[in-house]
Amino acid sequence: MCCVAVVEAHPEHLDEISGLVGQCIADLNAKGIFQWDECYPNREFFREAIGLRRAYVLHEDDTVKGVVVLDERQADEWSAVAWEYHDGKPLVIHTLAMHPFYQGQGCGGRLLQFCESFARQYGYDSIRLDAFSTNAAALTFYTKRGYQYRGRVVFPFKPQGHQEYYCYEKRLKDE
């Protein structure tokens, strides 16, 4: 079981975050999952998220094991999704990444629990996210934790054959 803390990311975390995401990209590519590349999520994405105080790291003993970016920004493509919860404001999870070495140890679940607690603390009623359609591990991860499939989107800027993402939503208000 993972025993770590989640804290707001700071500029001194940027190198470790970049390295962690690089390891994730290499691991995903080795599995034939081409959801991320040098364009997204890149160092500049995380630098901006840190500057806006939207990035959080899961760490233990000064080692960053995971990262997530939280805000309210929804991709334009999401407008066609049949979201169920419209009565409040949703929190959006971007780029939840766990270093491959720490996957399967409960760390990802801990980071997702943080996201849900954060959402409740700041008055969000639901959480929304998208996950690459062929990343079976990610799809299972979210489904097992109560996230409901709401539809699919196609991101035309992604490489051909790697453009389809599934959208998920979880209501928090009545939990």
C-alpha atoms as a PDB file:
ATOM      1  CA  MET A   1       0.000   0.000   0.000  1.00  0.00           C
ATOM      2  CA  CYS A   2       1.144   3.479  -0.801  1.00  0.00           C
ATOM      3  CA  CYS A   3       1.829   5.765   2.154  1.00  0.00           C
ATOM      4  CA  VAL A   4       2.530   9.239   0.853  1.00  0.00           C
ATOM      5  CA  ALA A   5       1.373  12.859   0.906  1.00  0.00           C
ATOM      6  CA  VAL A   6      -0.206  14.985  -1.800  1.00  0.00           C
ATOM      7  CA  VAL A   7       0.885  18.613  -1.887  1.00  0.00           C
ATOM      8  CA  GLU A   8       0.681  21.554  -4.236  1.00  0.00           C
ATOM      9  CA  ALA A   9       3.441  21.370  -6.841  1.00  0.00           C
ATOM     10  CA  HIS A  10       6.129  24.052  -6.789  1.00  0.00           C
ATOM     11  CA  PRO A  11       8.742  25.092  -9.351  1.00  0.00           C
ATOM     12  CA  GLU A  12      11.358  22.897  -7.667  1.00  0.00           C
ATOM     13  CA  HIS A  13       9.188  19.859  -8.555  1.00  0.00           C
ATOM     14  CA  LEU A  14       9.270  20.623 -12.290  1.00  0.00           C
ATOM     15  CA  ASP A  15      12.321  18.504 -13.152  1.00  0.00           C
ATOM     16  CA  GLU A  16      10.951  15.483 -11.296  1.00  0.00           C
ATOM     17  CA  ILE A  17       7.501  15.937 -12.841  1.00  0.00           C
ATOM     18  CA  SER A  18       9.045  16.128 -16.319  1.00  0.00           C
ATOM     19  CA  GLY A  19      11.073  13.000 -15.664  1.00  0.00           C
ATOM     20  CA  LEU A  20       8.080  11.146 -14.270  1.00  0.00           C
ATOM     21  CA  VAL A  21       5.908  12.036 -17.267  1.00  0.00           C
ATOM     22  CA  GLY A  22       8.725  11.043 -19.613  1.00  0.00           C
ATOM     23  CA  GLN A  23       8.833   7.628 -17.923  1.00  0.00           C
ATOM     24  CA  CYS A  24       5.043   7.341 -18.262  1.00  0.00           C
ATOM     25  CA  ILE A  25       5.186   8.200 -21.962  1.00  0.00           C
ATOM     26  CA  ALA A  26       7.934   5.623 -22.563  1.00  0.00           C
ATOM     27  CA  ASP A  27       5.977   2.981 -20.634  1.00  0.00           C
ATOM     28  CA  LEU A  28       2.750   3.725 -22.505  1.00  0.00           C
ATOM     29  CA  ASN A  29       4.509   3.722 -25.881  1.00  0.00           C
ATOM     30  CA  ALA A  30       6.114   0.358 -25.077  1.00  0.00           C
ATOM     31  CA  LYS A  31       2.578  -0.975 -24.507  1.00  0.00           C
ATOM     32  CA  GLY A  32       1.361   0.489 -27.802  1.00  0.00           C
ATOM     33  CA  ILE A  33      -0.643   3.221 -26.075  1.00  0.00           C
ATOM     34  CA  PHE A  34       0.107   6.516 -27.793  1.00  0.00           C
ATOM     35  CA  GLN A  35      -1.953   8.952 -25.761  1.00  0.00           C
ATOM     36  CA  TRP A  36       0.812  11.368 -24.761  1.00  0.00           C
ATOM     37  CA  ASP A  37       3.784  12.771 -26.622  1.00  0.00           C
ATOM     38  CA  GLU A  38       6.287  15.642 -26.554  1.00  0.00           C
ATOM     39  CA  CYS A  39       3.462  18.135 -27.202  1.00  0.00           C
ATOM     40  CA  TYR A  40       1.198  17.086 -24.326  1.00  0.00           C
ATOM     41  CA  PRO A  41       1.751  16.876 -21.488  1.00  0.00           C
ATOM     42  CA  ASN A  42       5.025  18.719 -21.740  1.00  0.00           C
ATOM     43  CA  ARG A  43       7.230  20.731 -19.392  1.00  0.00           C
ATOM     44  CA  GLU A  44       5.566  24.019 -20.363  1.00  0.00           C
ATOM     45  CA  PHE A  45       2.117  22.583 -19.563  1.00  0.00           C
ATOM     46  CA  PHE A  46       3.290  21.737 -16.048  1.00  0.00           C
ATOM     47  CA  ARG A  47       5.194  25.017 -15.615  1.00  0.00           C
ATOM     48  CA  GLU A  48       1.974  26.881 -16.393  1.00  0.00           C
ATOM     49  CA  ALA A  49      -0.111  24.639 -14.116  1.00  0.00           C
ATOM     50  CA  ILE A  50       2.348  25.166 -11.255  1.00  0.00           C
ATOM     51  CA  GLY A  51       2.277  28.924 -11.806  1.00  0.00           C
ATOM     52  CA  LEU A  52      -1.525  28.896 -11.694  1.00  0.00           C
ATOM     53  CA  ARG A  53      -1.464  26.674  -8.565  1.00  0.00           C
ATOM     54  CA  ARG A  54      -3.326  23.858 -10.347  1.00  0.00           C
ATOM     55  CA  ALA A  55      -0.722  21.077 -10.143  1.00  0.00           C
ATOM     56  CA  TYR A  56      -0.360  18.629  -7.265  1.00  0.00           C
ATOM     57  CA  VAL A  57       2.241  15.971  -6.601  1.00  0.00           C
ATOM     58  CA  LEU A  58       2.073  12.755  -4.675  1.00  0.00           C
ATOM     59  CA  HIS A  59       5.399  12.252  -2.950  1.00  0.00           C
ATOM     60  CA  GLU A  60       7.239  10.343  -0.284  1.00  0.00           C
ATOM     61  CA  ASP A  61      10.699  11.040   1.081  1.00  0.00           C
ATOM     62  CA  ASP A  62      11.261  13.834  -1.443  1.00  0.00           C
ATOM     63  CA  THR A  63      10.422  11.540  -4.372  1.00  0.00           C
ATOM     64  CA  VAL A  64       7.602  12.591  -6.695  1.00  0.00           C
ATOM     65  CA  LYS A  65       5.597   9.470  -7.494  1.00  0.00           C
ATOM     66  CA  GLY A  66       2.625  11.057  -9.243  1.00  0.00           C
ATOM     67  CA  VAL A  67       1.169  14.292 -10.531  1.00  0.00           C
ATOM     68  CA  VAL A  68      -2.234  15.677 -11.427  1.00  0.00           C
ATOM     69  CA  VAL A  69      -3.562  18.977 -12.734  1.00  0.00           C
ATOM     70  CA  LEU A  70      -6.975  20.175 -11.527  1.00  0.00           C
ATOM     71  CA  ASP A  71      -9.072  23.043 -12.851  1.00  0.00           C
ATOM     72  CA  GLU A  72     -12.404  23.840 -14.517  1.00  0.00           C
ATOM     73  CA  ARG A  73     -11.216  23.902 -18.152  1.00  0.00           C
ATOM     74  CA  GLN A  74     -13.113  21.554 -20.434  1.00  0.00           C
ATOM     75  CA  ALA A  75     -12.021  20.758 -23.976  1.00  0.00           C
ATOM     76  CA  ASP A  76     -14.250  22.211 -26.672  1.00  0.00           C
ATOM     77  CA  GLU A  77     -14.845  18.653 -27.904  1.00  0.00           C
ATOM     78  CA  TRP A  78     -16.556  17.857 -24.600  1.00  0.00           C
ATOM     79  CA  SER A  79     -19.536  20.050 -25.533  1.00  0.00           C
ATOM     80  CA  ALA A  80     -21.043  17.105 -27.453  1.00  0.00           C
ATOM     81  CA  VAL A  81     -20.792  14.729 -24.463  1.00  0.00           C
ATOM     82  CA  ALA A  82     -23.983  13.728 -22.661  1.00  0.00           C
ATOM     83  CA  TRP A  83     -22.895  14.824 -19.199  1.00  0.00           C
ATOM     84  CA  GLU A  84     -25.422  13.901 -16.552  1.00  0.00           C
ATOM     85  CA  TYR A  85     -24.721  16.449 -13.847  1.00  0.00           C
ATOM     86  CA  HIS A  86     -25.424  20.063 -14.750  1.00  0.00           C
ATOM     87  CA  ASP A  87     -26.662  21.424 -11.414  1.00  0.00           C
ATOM     88  CA  GLY A  88     -23.260  22.481 -10.121  1.00  0.00           C
ATOM     89  CA  LYS A  89     -19.723  23.111 -11.224  1.00  0.00           C
ATOM     90  CA  PRO A  90     -17.483  20.206 -12.238  1.00  0.00           C
ATOM     91  CA  LEU A  91     -13.812  19.860 -11.416  1.00  0.00           C
ATOM     92  CA  VAL A  92     -11.750  18.571 -14.317  1.00  0.00           C
ATOM     93  CA  ILE A  93      -8.862  16.141 -13.892  1.00  0.00           C
ATOM     94  CA  HIS A  94      -6.041  16.626 -16.383  1.00  0.00           C
ATOM     95  CA  THR A  95      -3.004  14.428 -16.755  1.00  0.00           C
ATOM     96  CA  LEU A  96      -3.211  12.171 -13.751  1.00  0.00           C
ATOM     97  CA  ALA A  97       0.141  10.399 -14.051  1.00  0.00           C
ATOM     98  CA  MET A  98       1.808   7.862 -11.788  1.00  0.00           C
ATOM     99  CA  HIS A  99       5.429   6.819 -12.272  1.00  0.00           C
ATOM    100  CA  PRO A 100       5.347   3.287 -13.760  1.00  0.00           C
ATOM    101  CA  PHE A 101       7.426   1.893 -10.872  1.00  0.00           C
ATOM    102  CA  TYR A 102       4.709   2.886  -8.381  1.00  0.00           C
ATOM    103  CA  GLN A 103       1.687   1.760 -10.386  1.00  0.00           C
ATOM    104  CA  GLY A 104      -0.342  -1.032  -8.825  1.00  0.00           C
ATOM    105  CA  GLN A 105       0.632  -0.045  -5.270  1.00  0.00           C
ATOM    106  CA  GLY A 106      -2.417   2.058  -4.417  1.00  0.00           C
ATOM    107  CA  CYS A 107      -0.708   5.364  -5.158  1.00  0.00           C
ATOM    108  CA  GLY A 108      -2.985   6.218  -8.089  1.00  0.00           C
ATOM    109  CA  GLY A 109      -6.032   5.580  -5.924  1.00  0.00           C
ATOM    110  CA  ARG A 110      -4.574   7.831  -3.249  1.00  0.00           C
ATOM    111  CA  LEU A 111      -4.035  10.602  -5.795  1.00  0.00           C
ATOM    112  CA  LEU A 112      -7.591  10.195  -7.105  1.00  0.00           C
ATOM    113  CA  GLN A 113      -8.931  10.309  -3.528  1.00  0.00           C
ATOM    114  CA  PHE A 114      -7.084  13.591  -3.109  1.00  0.00           C
ATOM    115  CA  CYS A 115      -8.795  14.937  -6.255  1.00  0.00           C
ATOM    116  CA  GLU A 116     -12.206  13.981  -4.883  1.00  0.00           C
ATOM    117  CA  SER A 117     -11.497  15.477  -1.457  1.00  0.00           C
ATOM    118  CA  PHE A 118     -10.196  18.644  -3.094  1.00  0.00           C
ATOM    119  CA  ALA A 119     -13.372  18.861  -5.187  1.00  0.00           C
ATOM    120  CA  ARG A 120     -15.618  18.508  -2.147  1.00  0.00           C
ATOM    121  CA  GLN A 121     -13.580  21.023  -0.141  1.00  0.00           C
ATOM    122  CA  TYR A 122     -13.910  23.662  -2.862  1.00  0.00           C
ATOM    123  CA  GLY A 123     -17.604  23.130  -3.598  1.00  0.00           C
ATOM    124  CA  TYR A 124     -17.486  21.072  -6.770  1.00  0.00           C
ATOM    125  CA  ASP A 125     -20.423  18.743  -7.324  1.00  0.00           C
ATOM    126  CA  SER A 126     -18.817  16.378  -9.802  1.00  0.00           C
ATOM    127  CA  ILE A 127     -15.554  15.436 -11.475  1.00  0.00           C
ATOM    128  CA  ARG A 128     -15.041  15.063 -15.212  1.00  0.00           C
ATOM    129  CA  LEU A 129     -12.137  13.619 -17.162  1.00  0.00           C
ATOM    130  CA  ASP A 130     -11.221  11.901 -20.375  1.00  0.00           C
ATOM    131  CA  ALA A 131      -9.065   8.834 -20.872  1.00  0.00           C
ATOM    132  CA  PHE A 132      -7.523   7.408 -24.023  1.00  0.00           C
ATOM    133  CA  SER A 133      -9.853   4.786 -25.487  1.00  0.00           C
ATOM    134  CA  THR A 134      -7.206   2.053 -25.766  1.00  0.00           C
ATOM    135  CA  ASN A 135      -5.686   2.560 -22.321  1.00  0.00           C
ATOM    136  CA  ALA A 136      -7.540  -0.346 -20.717  1.00  0.00           C
ATOM    137  CA  ALA A 137      -5.759   0.103 -17.365  1.00  0.00           C
ATOM    138  CA  ALA A 138      -6.882   3.733 -17.071  1.00  0.00           C
ATOM    139  CA  LEU A 139     -10.449   2.931 -18.145  1.00  0.00           C
ATOM    140  CA  THR A 140     -10.666   0.162 -15.541  1.00  0.00           C
ATOM    141  CA  PHE A 141      -9.044   2.379 -12.886  1.00  0.00           C
ATOM    142  CA  TYR A 142     -11.739   5.051 -13.218  1.00  0.00           C
ATOM    143  CA  THR A 143     -14.673   2.657 -13.670  1.00  0.00           C
ATOM    144  CA  LYS A 144     -13.755   0.709 -10.512  1.00  0.00           C
ATOM    145  CA  ARG A 145     -13.812   3.987  -8.583  1.00  0.00           C
ATOM    146  CA  GLY A 146     -17.337   4.950  -9.600  1.00  0.00           C
ATOM    147  CA  TYR A 147     -16.688   7.064 -12.677  1.00  0.00           C
ATOM    148  CA  GLN A 148     -19.430   6.686 -15.275  1.00  0.00           C
ATOM    149  CA  TYR A 149     -18.829   6.603 -19.013  1.00  0.00           C
ATOM    150  CA  ARG A 150     -20.599   9.566 -20.662  1.00  0.00           C
ATOM    151  CA  GLY A 151     -19.441   9.400 -24.258  1.00  0.00           C
ATOM    152  CA  ARG A 152     -16.522   9.645 -26.595  1.00  0.00           C
ATOM    153  CA  VAL A 153     -14.673  12.529 -28.178  1.00  0.00           C
ATOM    154  CA  VAL A 154     -12.204  12.755 -31.022  1.00  0.00           C
ATOM    155  CA  PHE A 155      -9.228  15.088 -30.734  1.00  0.00           C
ATOM    156  CA  PRO A 156      -8.216  15.901 -34.327  1.00  0.00           C
ATOM    157  CA  PHE A 157      -4.801  17.220 -33.278  1.00  0.00           C
ATOM    158  CA  LYS A 158      -3.751  13.767 -32.042  1.00  0.00           C
ATOM    159  CA  PRO A 159      -2.050  11.347 -34.452  1.00  0.00           C
ATOM    160  CA  GLN A 160      -4.348   9.377 -36.751  1.00  0.00           C
ATOM    161  CA  GLY A 161      -5.582   6.243 -35.000  1.00  0.00           C
ATOM    162  CA  HIS A 162      -4.975   7.756 -31.553  1.00  0.00           C
ATOM    163  CA  GLN A 163      -7.664  10.405 -31.446  1.00  0.00           C
ATOM    164  CA  GLU A 164     -10.524   8.739 -29.575  1.00  0.00           C
ATOM    165  CA  TYR A 165     -10.962   9.433 -25.866  1.00  0.00           C
ATOM    166  CA  TYR A 166     -13.700   8.333 -23.483  1.00  0.00           C
ATOM    167  CA  CYS A 167     -15.278  10.839 -21.115  1.00  0.00           C
ATOM    168  CA  TYR A 168     -16.138   9.969 -17.526  1.00  0.00           C
ATOM    169  CA  GLU A 169     -18.000  11.724 -14.755  1.00  0.00           C
ATOM    170  CA  LYS A 170     -18.537  11.131 -11.058  1.00  0.00           C
ATOM    171  CA  ARG A 171     -21.066  12.883  -8.875  1.00  0.00           C
ATOM    172  CA  LEU A 172     -19.740  13.921  -5.469  1.00  0.00           C
ATOM    173  CA  LYS A 173     -22.599  15.880  -4.001  1.00  0.00           C
ATOM    174  CA  ASP A 174     -24.602  12.962  -2.614  1.00  0.00           C
ATOM    175  CA  GLU A 175     -21.707  10.766  -1.463  1.00  0.00           C
END
